Amino acid sequence: MGLRAGDTIAAIATPSGVGGVGIIRVSGPAVRQIAEALIGRLPRPRYATLSTFSAADGSPIDQGLALYFPAPHSYTGEDVLELHGHGGPVVMDLLLHRCLEFGARLARPGEFTERAFLNGKLDLTQAEAVADLIESSTALAARLAARSLQGVFSQHIQALVEGLIELRVHLEATLDFPDEELDLADERAQVADGLSALIAQLDRLLAEAYEGQRIREGLNVAIAGAPNVGKSSLLNALCGSEAAIVTDIPGTTRDLLRFDIQIEGLPIHIIDTAGLRHTQDPVEREGVRRAQEAVQQADLVLWVYDAARGLDEGVCPSLAPRVPLIRVRNKIDLLGESPGIKAEGEEVEVALSVKTGGGLELLKAQIKHQVGLSPHPEGAFSARRRHLDALRRAKGSLLAASEHLAAGQSPELVAEELRAAQQSLGEITGKFSSEDLLDRIFASFCIGK
């Protein structure tokens, strides 16, 4: 990875297909030469200039707007040229080919943003937020990605890093001057207090990052239970459409049905499963196997049962410890009961009627609460699994440092754990990142971004 001297890249920055406007983006030292060849001059910086885009023989290819952003005041930090023409694939290909004729090469996916990162225009969390904003599946996810792009997540990380640096400086001063008259007990107390404050700060950031990751990626929710308890009806009610076939015949659902919905901005990947029961039908038996597999892999399970028949514990599979479950007591309208929520320890049950809709809003609210999302998460930011992993490693290092300190062990061990914590936090913003990681991140971007 890395920039090559004299390297200019070009790509179509708008989606393929026919549209009103199409954009060619060019970045690198050959921008001036390409602009003079295509439109006869270098446009005035940061002004939209009406131009005719010319072919090699001088004949017009298209007419549109040219925008020039000189380095370093551009998205990539290099000279950037954008050609806004009519959005037909033939026109776009002709304009792109002209750029390639004058020394540009085709950009790799995400290469413009990669250059912005390498040239210090964005840190890594902001660069990832660009892709998250483009790929947002809900308005809330887009708002959180925009907050990350503005640097909200980075500011939290920087505050932690600054606290760590201050603590490391304080601790290492005692290592550098061991002969000085220092009150070691007082020094250890100050470091311990500083560690406690950093751990509390990191816990808050972890909770916010987890919330952002859930909103970005969505939640895998499996609807499970015995046959004919209202699983497919619940799916239809949550989707707001007749997504699944509903009959009185047991075993109607044989395969997994997957639909994407959203609950107050939270993307939900909902899976309707086959009714769990013992059967000799080979097709239904395969459906039951797939249902059990989906339940084990879900982020949340809605275990539906008929209020009149009661909960059949015999068909409920043993869940992995990490998989939360909400029991859904359906068909309460047949018993004349009112909707409600009952919680006993970690077990939560929602009583509702899919048929009348009573209690559905209680279930939606409980789904968000069960996975730890706040009612109003607009203050959060977009985050990824790798961010959570790095934050957890940083916390582990801080806890280890606190244990070393409490046990009266060597200050060198404490200092090493603080260094490791700072290293983990630096991976989030890209201060310490391997080329393989950067390649994987930017390869997931769309071409032209």
Protein backbone atom coordinates (compact mmCIF):
# COMPACT_ATOMS: atom_id res chain seq x y z
CA MET A 1 0.00 0.00 0.00
CA GLY A 2 1.05 3.66 -0.22
CA LEU A 3 1.16 6.42 -2.79
CA ARG A 4 3.46 6.29 -5.77
CA ALA A 5 5.13 9.52 -6.91
CA GLY A 6 3.44 10.94 -10.00
CA ASP A 7 0.43 8.63 -9.58
CA THR A 8 -2.91 10.06 -10.76
CA ILE A 9 -6.17 8.14 -10.33
CA ALA A 10 -9.56 8.51 -11.99
CA ALA A 11 -12.94 6.85 -11.60
CA ILE A 12 -16.64 7.27 -12.23
CA ALA A 13 -17.93 8.50 -8.86
CA THR A 14 -21.66 8.00 -9.49
CA PRO A 15 -23.56 4.67 -9.61
CA SER A 16 -23.65 2.71 -12.86
CA GLY A 17 -26.68 3.04 -15.08
CA VAL A 18 -28.57 5.97 -16.61
CA GLY A 19 -29.03 9.16 -14.58
CA GLY A 20 -29.43 12.89 -14.97
CA VAL A 21 -25.85 13.59 -13.84
CA GLY A 22 -22.67 11.54 -13.86
CA ILE A 23 -19.38 12.50 -12.20
CA ILE A 24 -15.79 11.65 -13.08
CA ARG A 25 -13.33 12.23 -10.23
CA VAL A 26 -9.58 12.66 -10.83
CA SER A 27 -6.86 13.10 -8.18
CA GLY A 28 -3.12 13.54 -8.54
CA PRO A 29 -0.39 15.59 -10.24
CA ALA A 30 -1.74 15.09 -13.79
CA VAL A 31 -4.97 16.99 -13.02
CA ARG A 32 -3.75 20.20 -14.71
CA GLN A 33 -2.76 18.34 -17.90
CA ILE A 34 -6.07 16.45 -18.01
CA ALA A 35 -8.12 19.62 -17.48
CA GLU A 36 -6.30 21.48 -20.26
CA ALA A 37 -6.79 18.54 -22.64
CA LEU A 38 -10.50 18.08 -21.92
CA ILE A 39 -11.74 21.65 -21.44
CA GLY A 40 -8.83 23.78 -22.71
CA ARG A 41 -7.91 25.35 -19.35
CA LEU A 42 -7.61 24.78 -15.65
CA PRO A 43 -10.89 25.94 -14.04
CA ARG A 44 -10.96 28.61 -11.37
CA PRO A 45 -10.46 26.87 -7.99
CA ARG A 46 -13.67 25.86 -6.20
CA TYR A 47 -15.99 27.38 -8.81
CA ALA A 48 -18.37 25.37 -10.99
CA THR A 49 -17.32 26.23 -14.56
CA LEU A 50 -19.56 25.44 -17.53
CA SER A 51 -17.34 23.57 -19.98
CA THR A 52 -17.34 21.50 -23.14
CA PHE A 53 -15.54 18.18 -22.70
CA SER A 54 -13.60 17.44 -25.90
CA ALA A 55 -12.45 14.21 -27.55
CA ALA A 56 -8.92 13.77 -28.94
CA ASP A 57 -9.95 15.20 -32.35
CA GLY A 58 -11.54 18.26 -30.71
CA SER A 59 -15.12 17.10 -31.20
CA PRO A 60 -17.41 17.52 -28.14
CA ILE A 61 -18.11 14.51 -25.94
CA ASP A 62 -20.44 16.32 -23.57
CA GLN A 63 -21.13 19.66 -21.91
CA GLY A 64 -21.24 20.05 -18.16
CA LEU A 65 -19.56 21.51 -15.10
CA ALA A 66 -15.88 21.27 -14.18
CA LEU A 67 -14.69 21.81 -10.60
CA TYR A 68 -11.05 22.13 -9.58
CA PHE A 69 -9.79 21.77 -5.99
CA PRO A 70 -6.06 22.55 -5.69
CA ALA A 71 -3.89 20.75 -3.14
CA PRO A 72 -3.89 20.67 -0.19
CA HIS A 73 -7.44 22.04 0.11
CA SER A 74 -9.25 19.09 -1.42
CA TYR A 75 -10.84 15.83 -0.31
CA THR A 76 -7.68 13.80 -0.96
CA GLY A 77 -5.16 16.53 -0.15
CA GLU A 78 -3.99 16.43 -3.80
CA ASP A 79 -5.12 18.34 -6.88
CA VAL A 80 -8.64 17.10 -7.63
CA LEU A 81 -10.78 17.60 -10.75
CA GLU A 82 -14.44 16.69 -11.01
CA LEU A 83 -16.28 16.54 -14.33
CA HIS A 84 -20.08 16.69 -13.96
CA GLY A 85 -21.66 15.52 -17.19
CA HIS A 86 -24.84 13.79 -18.29
CA GLY A 87 -25.25 10.47 -16.55
CA GLY A 88 -25.22 8.02 -19.44
CA PRO A 89 -22.80 5.07 -19.28
CA VAL A 90 -21.38 5.74 -22.76
CA VAL A 91 -20.67 9.41 -21.98
CA MET A 92 -19.07 8.51 -18.65
CA ASP A 93 -16.88 5.83 -20.26
CA LEU A 94 -15.71 8.26 -22.97
CA LEU A 95 -14.78 10.89 -20.40
CA LEU A 96 -13.01 8.35 -18.20
CA HIS A 97 -11.06 7.02 -21.20
CA ARG A 98 -9.88 10.56 -22.00
CA CYS A 99 -8.54 10.91 -18.46
CA LEU A 100 -6.69 7.61 -18.79
CA GLU A 101 -5.16 8.76 -22.08
CA PHE A 102 -3.30 11.50 -20.20
CA GLY A 103 -1.65 9.32 -17.58
CA ALA A 104 -4.32 8.60 -15.03
CA ARG A 105 -5.08 5.05 -14.01
CA LEU A 106 -8.30 3.51 -12.75
CA ALA A 107 -8.77 4.04 -9.03
CA ARG A 108 -9.15 1.07 -6.74
CA PRO A 109 -12.26 0.87 -4.52
CA GLY A 110 -11.92 3.43 -1.75
CA GLU A 111 -8.64 4.84 -3.07
CA PHE A 112 -9.74 8.49 -2.96
CA THR A 113 -10.63 8.15 0.73
CA GLU A 114 -7.47 6.14 1.32
CA ARG A 115 -5.43 9.06 -0.03
CA ALA A 116 -7.39 11.43 2.20
CA PHE A 117 -6.38 9.28 5.17
CA LEU A 118 -2.73 8.93 4.13
CA ASN A 119 -2.49 12.67 3.51
CA GLY A 120 -3.90 13.51 6.94
CA LYS A 121 -7.25 14.88 5.77
CA LEU A 122 -9.19 12.24 7.74
CA ASP A 123 -8.34 9.77 10.47
CA LEU A 124 -9.37 6.14 10.07
CA THR A 125 -12.65 6.40 11.98
CA GLN A 126 -13.68 9.35 9.80
CA ALA A 127 -12.67 7.48 6.65
CA GLU A 128 -14.78 4.47 7.69
CA ALA A 129 -17.65 6.83 8.47
CA VAL A 130 -17.66 7.89 4.80
CA ALA A 131 -18.50 4.31 3.78
CA ASP A 132 -20.98 3.97 6.66
CA LEU A 133 -22.80 7.13 5.56
CA ILE A 134 -23.09 5.84 1.99
CA GLU A 135 -24.31 2.41 3.12
CA SER A 136 -26.69 3.60 5.87
CA SER A 137 -29.93 1.62 5.87
CA THR A 138 -31.86 3.99 8.17
CA ALA A 139 -31.98 7.73 8.81
CA LEU A 140 -30.65 7.17 12.35
CA ALA A 141 -27.68 5.17 11.03
CA ALA A 142 -26.93 8.01 8.60
CA ARG A 143 -27.01 10.59 11.42
CA LEU A 144 -24.62 8.51 13.51
CA ALA A 145 -22.25 8.07 10.56
CA ALA A 146 -22.31 11.83 9.99
CA ARG A 147 -21.34 12.36 13.63
CA SER A 148 -18.37 10.03 13.22
CA LEU A 149 -17.39 11.81 10.01
CA GLN A 150 -17.43 15.10 11.93
CA GLY A 151 -14.93 13.57 14.35
CA VAL A 152 -17.12 12.85 17.41
CA PHE A 153 -15.76 9.30 17.86
CA SER A 154 -12.19 10.47 17.21
CA GLN A 155 -12.52 13.18 19.87
CA HIS A 156 -13.54 10.58 22.47
CA ILE A 157 -10.54 8.42 21.53
CA GLN A 158 -8.19 11.41 21.65
CA ALA A 159 -9.43 12.36 25.12
CA LEU A 160 -8.64 8.84 26.34
CA VAL A 161 -5.21 8.88 24.69
CA GLU A 162 -4.37 12.23 26.29
CA GLY A 163 -5.37 10.87 29.69
CA LEU A 164 -3.19 7.83 29.11
CA ILE A 165 -0.22 9.94 28.04
CA GLU A 166 -0.55 12.10 31.14
CA LEU A 167 -0.66 8.99 33.32
CA ARG A 168 2.31 7.42 31.53
CA VAL A 169 4.37 10.59 31.91
CA HIS A 170 3.56 10.74 35.62
CA LEU A 171 4.39 7.05 36.13
CA GLU A 172 7.55 6.99 34.05
CA ALA A 173 8.90 10.04 35.84
CA THR A 174 9.11 7.88 38.97
CA LEU A 175 10.96 5.24 36.92
CA ASP A 176 13.44 7.73 35.47
CA PHE A 177 14.33 9.25 38.86
CA PRO A 178 14.34 6.35 41.32
CA ASP A 179 16.77 8.08 43.67
CA GLU A 180 14.53 11.10 44.25
CA GLU A 181 12.75 11.46 47.57
CA LEU A 182 9.22 10.46 46.49
CA ASP A 183 6.29 9.26 48.53
CA LEU A 184 5.71 5.96 46.68
CA ALA A 185 2.40 5.30 48.42
CA ASP A 186 1.11 8.70 47.34
CA GLU A 187 2.39 8.14 43.79
CA ARG A 188 0.62 4.78 43.55
CA ALA A 189 -2.60 6.31 44.86
CA GLN A 190 -2.50 9.04 42.21
CA VAL A 191 -1.90 6.50 39.43
CA ALA A 192 -4.67 4.27 40.80
CA ASP A 193 -7.13 7.18 40.80
CA GLY A 194 -6.12 8.09 37.26
CA LEU A 195 -6.60 4.47 36.13
CA SER A 196 -10.06 4.28 37.72
CA ALA A 197 -11.13 7.46 35.93
CA LEU A 198 -9.84 6.16 32.58
CA ILE A 199 -11.57 2.80 33.00
CA ALA A 200 -14.88 4.54 33.79
CA GLN A 201 -14.42 6.80 30.74
CA LEU A 202 -13.64 3.77 28.58
CA ASP A 203 -16.72 1.92 29.84
CA ARG A 204 -18.93 4.83 28.77
CA LEU A 205 -17.27 4.93 25.35
CA LEU A 206 -17.67 1.16 24.94
CA ALA A 207 -21.41 1.44 25.63
CA GLU A 208 -21.77 4.24 23.07
CA ALA A 209 -19.67 2.38 20.48
CA TYR A 210 -21.71 -0.79 21.00
CA GLU A 211 -24.88 1.20 20.41
CA GLY A 212 -23.42 2.71 17.24
CA GLN A 213 -22.31 -0.69 15.97
CA ARG A 214 -25.77 -2.17 16.52
CA ILE A 215 -27.44 0.70 14.67
CA ARG A 216 -24.91 0.45 11.82
CA GLU A 217 -25.06 -3.33 11.32
CA GLY A 218 -28.56 -4.07 12.54
CA LEU A 219 -29.85 -6.84 14.76
CA ASN A 220 -30.44 -10.47 13.76
CA VAL A 221 -33.74 -11.47 15.37
CA ALA A 222 -35.05 -15.04 15.07
CA ILE A 223 -38.74 -15.81 15.63
CA ALA A 224 -39.02 -19.34 17.00
CA GLY A 225 -41.49 -21.64 18.72
CA ALA A 226 -43.75 -24.62 18.19
CA PRO A 227 -46.02 -24.85 15.10
CA ASN A 228 -49.18 -22.73 14.94
CA VAL A 229 -48.36 -20.31 17.74
CA GLY A 230 -48.37 -17.22 15.48
CA LYS A 231 -44.73 -16.89 14.41
CA SER A 232 -45.48 -16.01 10.79
CA SER A 233 -48.32 -13.75 11.89
CA LEU A 234 -45.89 -11.91 14.17
CA LEU A 235 -43.45 -11.54 11.26
CA ASN A 236 -46.21 -10.05 9.11
CA ALA A 237 -47.23 -7.67 11.90
CA LEU A 238 -43.65 -6.45 12.38
CA CYS A 239 -43.12 -6.09 8.63
CA GLY A 240 -46.47 -4.39 8.10
CA SER A 241 -47.25 -6.67 5.13
CA GLU A 242 -48.21 -10.23 4.24
CA ALA A 243 -44.60 -11.36 4.02
CA ALA A 244 -45.21 -14.95 5.14
CA ILE A 245 -48.00 -17.43 4.38
CA VAL A 246 -50.27 -17.99 7.39
CA THR A 247 -52.53 -21.09 7.63
CA ASP A 248 -53.97 -23.34 10.33
CA ILE A 249 -51.94 -26.26 8.98
CA PRO A 250 -48.96 -27.08 11.25
CA GLY A 251 -45.59 -26.94 9.51
CA THR A 252 -46.58 -24.36 6.85
CA THR A 253 -43.20 -22.63 7.19
CA ARG A 254 -40.51 -25.07 6.04
CA ASP A 255 -37.57 -22.80 5.31
CA LEU A 256 -36.12 -19.63 6.82
CA LEU A 257 -37.84 -16.41 5.74
CA ARG A 258 -35.65 -13.29 6.03
CA PHE A 259 -36.86 -9.70 5.92
CA ASP A 260 -35.29 -6.35 6.77
CA ILE A 261 -37.35 -3.90 8.81
CA GLN A 262 -36.57 -1.05 11.18
CA ILE A 263 -37.83 -0.21 14.63
CA GLU A 264 -37.39 3.49 15.42
CA GLY A 265 -34.22 3.69 13.34
CA LEU A 266 -32.76 0.33 14.43
CA PRO A 267 -32.25 -1.99 11.42
CA ILE A 268 -33.68 -5.44 12.15
CA HIS A 269 -32.83 -8.53 10.09
CA ILE A 270 -35.78 -10.65 11.09
CA ILE A 271 -35.92 -14.43 10.46
CA ASP A 272 -39.10 -16.49 10.60
CA THR A 273 -38.30 -20.14 11.31
CA ALA A 274 -40.05 -23.46 10.95
CA GLY A 275 -42.09 -24.65 13.94
CA LEU A 276 -39.92 -26.72 16.26
CA ARG A 277 -41.34 -30.21 16.78
CA HIS A 278 -40.43 -33.84 16.23
CA THR A 279 -41.44 -34.90 12.70
CA GLN A 280 -40.80 -37.71 10.23
CA ASP A 281 -41.25 -35.48 7.19
CA PRO A 282 -37.71 -35.10 5.75
CA VAL A 283 -38.41 -31.62 4.34
CA GLU A 284 -39.89 -30.33 7.58
CA ARG A 285 -37.09 -32.01 9.54
CA GLU A 286 -34.53 -30.02 7.53
CA GLY A 287 -36.54 -26.87 8.24
CA VAL A 288 -36.40 -27.62 11.97
CA ARG A 289 -32.63 -28.13 11.76
CA ARG A 290 -32.21 -24.78 10.02
CA ALA A 291 -34.49 -23.13 12.56
CA GLN A 292 -32.36 -24.41 15.45
CA GLU A 293 -29.22 -23.17 13.70
CA ALA A 294 -30.74 -19.71 13.11
CA VAL A 295 -31.74 -19.50 16.79
CA GLN A 296 -28.17 -20.23 17.92
CA GLN A 297 -26.71 -17.59 15.58
CA ALA A 298 -29.24 -14.84 16.38
CA ASP A 299 -28.56 -11.69 18.39
CA LEU A 300 -32.02 -12.00 19.92
CA VAL A 301 -34.68 -14.73 19.94
CA LEU A 302 -38.42 -14.09 20.12
CA TRP A 303 -39.82 -17.31 21.56
CA VAL A 304 -43.54 -17.32 20.66
CA TYR A 305 -46.09 -19.52 22.38
CA ASP A 306 -49.88 -19.80 22.54
CA ALA A 307 -51.26 -18.26 25.75
CA ALA A 308 -54.03 -20.87 25.92
CA ARG A 309 -51.70 -23.85 25.44
CA GLY A 310 -48.91 -22.59 27.67
CA LEU A 311 -45.16 -22.67 27.25
CA ASP A 312 -43.82 -25.96 25.86
CA GLU A 313 -40.35 -26.16 27.39
CA GLY A 314 -39.77 -29.44 25.59
CA VAL A 315 -39.29 -27.81 22.19
CA CYS A 316 -37.21 -24.86 23.42
CA PRO A 317 -33.59 -25.44 22.40
CA SER A 318 -30.74 -24.69 24.78
CA LEU A 319 -29.39 -21.29 23.74
CA ALA A 320 -25.80 -20.13 23.70
CA PRO A 321 -25.13 -18.02 26.83
CA ARG A 322 -24.78 -14.83 24.80
CA VAL A 323 -28.18 -15.10 23.05
CA PRO A 324 -30.90 -13.07 24.85
CA LEU A 325 -34.50 -14.28 24.62
CA ILE A 326 -37.89 -12.62 24.89
CA ARG A 327 -40.87 -14.88 25.50
CA VAL A 328 -43.87 -13.74 23.48
CA ARG A 329 -47.19 -14.88 24.99
CA ASN A 330 -49.45 -14.63 21.95
CA LYS A 331 -53.24 -14.87 21.45
CA ILE A 332 -54.14 -13.21 24.74
CA ASP A 333 -57.27 -11.79 23.06
CA LEU A 334 -58.78 -15.28 23.19
CA LEU A 335 -58.42 -15.22 26.98
CA GLY A 336 -59.60 -11.63 27.42
CA GLU A 337 -56.24 -10.55 28.88
CA SER A 338 -54.51 -7.18 28.54
CA PRO A 339 -51.06 -6.66 27.01
CA GLY A 340 -48.14 -6.31 29.39
CA ILE A 341 -44.54 -7.10 30.24
CA LYS A 342 -43.42 -9.43 33.02
CA ALA A 343 -39.77 -9.65 34.07
CA GLU A 344 -38.33 -12.17 36.52
CA GLY A 345 -34.57 -11.88 36.81
CA GLU A 346 -33.18 -12.12 33.28
CA GLU A 347 -36.37 -13.68 31.90
CA VAL A 348 -38.68 -11.27 30.09
CA GLU A 349 -42.14 -12.06 28.77
CA VAL A 350 -44.36 -9.85 26.62
CA ALA A 351 -48.07 -10.68 26.51
CA LEU A 352 -49.71 -9.57 23.27
CA SER A 353 -52.16 -10.35 20.51
CA VAL A 354 -50.76 -10.37 17.00
CA LYS A 355 -54.31 -10.51 15.67
CA THR A 356 -55.48 -7.28 17.32
CA GLY A 357 -52.06 -5.60 17.47
CA GLY A 358 -52.33 -5.09 21.22
CA GLY A 359 -48.89 -5.22 22.81
CA LEU A 360 -46.85 -4.97 19.59
CA GLU A 361 -45.43 -1.59 20.60
CA LEU A 362 -44.43 -3.06 23.96
CA LEU A 363 -42.55 -5.80 22.12
CA LYS A 364 -40.75 -3.31 19.86
CA ALA A 365 -39.65 -1.25 22.84
CA GLN A 366 -38.47 -4.39 24.63
CA ILE A 367 -36.43 -5.48 21.61
CA LYS A 368 -34.47 -2.21 21.75
CA HIS A 369 -34.11 -2.39 25.51
CA GLN A 370 -33.00 -6.04 25.45
CA VAL A 371 -29.96 -5.29 23.31
CA GLY A 372 -28.95 -2.27 25.37
CA LEU A 373 -30.05 0.56 23.09
CA SER A 374 -31.17 3.80 24.70
CA PRO A 375 -34.57 5.28 23.78
CA HIS A 376 -32.90 8.29 22.13
CA PRO A 377 -29.48 7.25 20.73
CA GLU A 378 -28.93 10.35 18.58
CA GLY A 379 -25.90 11.25 20.72
CA ALA A 380 -24.09 8.08 19.70
CA PHE A 381 -21.85 7.63 16.67
CA SER A 382 -21.21 5.00 14.03
CA ALA A 383 -18.84 2.23 15.11
CA ARG A 384 -17.60 -1.12 13.82
CA ARG A 385 -16.73 -4.47 15.33
CA ARG A 386 -13.01 -3.75 15.04
CA HIS A 387 -13.51 -0.60 17.12
CA LEU A 388 -15.23 -2.60 19.86
CA ASP A 389 -12.44 -5.18 19.80
CA ALA A 390 -9.78 -2.48 20.19
CA LEU A 391 -11.70 -0.77 23.00
CA ARG A 392 -12.08 -4.08 24.85
CA ARG A 393 -8.36 -4.80 24.50
CA ALA A 394 -7.56 -1.31 25.80
CA LYS A 395 -9.84 -1.91 28.79
CA GLY A 396 -8.19 -5.26 29.45
CA SER A 397 -4.80 -3.57 29.52
CA LEU A 398 -6.03 -0.89 31.94
CA LEU A 399 -7.56 -3.52 34.24
CA ALA A 400 -4.28 -5.47 34.18
CA ALA A 401 -2.38 -2.28 35.03
CA SER A 402 -4.73 -1.65 37.96
CA GLU A 403 -4.20 -5.20 39.23
CA HIS A 404 -0.41 -4.87 39.00
CA LEU A 405 -0.62 -1.62 40.92
CA ALA A 406 -2.89 -3.03 43.64
CA ALA A 407 -0.59 -6.04 44.07
CA GLY A 408 2.42 -3.77 44.56
CA GLN A 409 4.17 -5.15 41.50
CA SER A 410 6.88 -3.43 39.51
CA PRO A 411 5.91 -0.03 37.99
CA GLU A 412 7.46 -1.26 34.73
CA LEU A 413 4.60 -3.78 34.39
CA VAL A 414 2.04 -1.01 34.92
CA ALA A 415 3.80 1.20 32.36
CA GLU A 416 3.82 -1.63 29.79
CA GLU A 417 0.05 -2.18 30.16
CA LEU A 418 -0.57 1.56 29.70
CA ARG A 419 1.55 1.48 26.54
CA ALA A 420 -0.47 -1.49 25.25
CA ALA A 421 -3.75 0.34 25.97
CA GLN A 422 -2.55 3.38 24.03
CA GLN A 423 -1.51 1.10 21.15
CA SER A 424 -5.01 -0.43 21.02
CA LEU A 425 -6.69 2.99 20.98
CA GLY A 426 -4.30 4.15 18.25
CA GLU A 427 -5.47 1.29 16.04
CA ILE A 428 -8.97 2.79 16.00
CA THR A 429 -7.95 6.14 14.52
CA GLY A 430 -5.20 4.65 12.37
CA LYS A 431 -2.19 5.94 14.29
CA PHE A 432 -1.03 2.35 14.65
CA SER A 433 -2.46 0.18 11.87
CA SER A 434 -1.05 -2.56 9.68
CA GLU A 435 -1.15 -2.23 5.90
CA ASP A 436 -3.25 -5.40 5.70
CA LEU A 437 -5.91 -3.82 7.92
CA LEU A 438 -5.97 -0.62 5.86
CA ASP A 439 -6.19 -2.61 2.62
CA ARG A 440 -9.19 -4.58 3.96
CA ILE A 441 -10.97 -1.44 5.15
CA PHE A 442 -10.62 0.56 1.94
CA ALA A 443 -11.26 -2.41 -0.34
CA SER A 444 -14.81 -2.51 1.10
CA PHE A 445 -15.56 1.00 -0.27
CA CYS A 446 -17.27 1.68 -3.57
CA ILE A 447 -15.21 2.72 -6.59
CA GLY A 448 -14.97 6.51 -6.93
CA LYS A 449 -14.99 7.04 -3.16
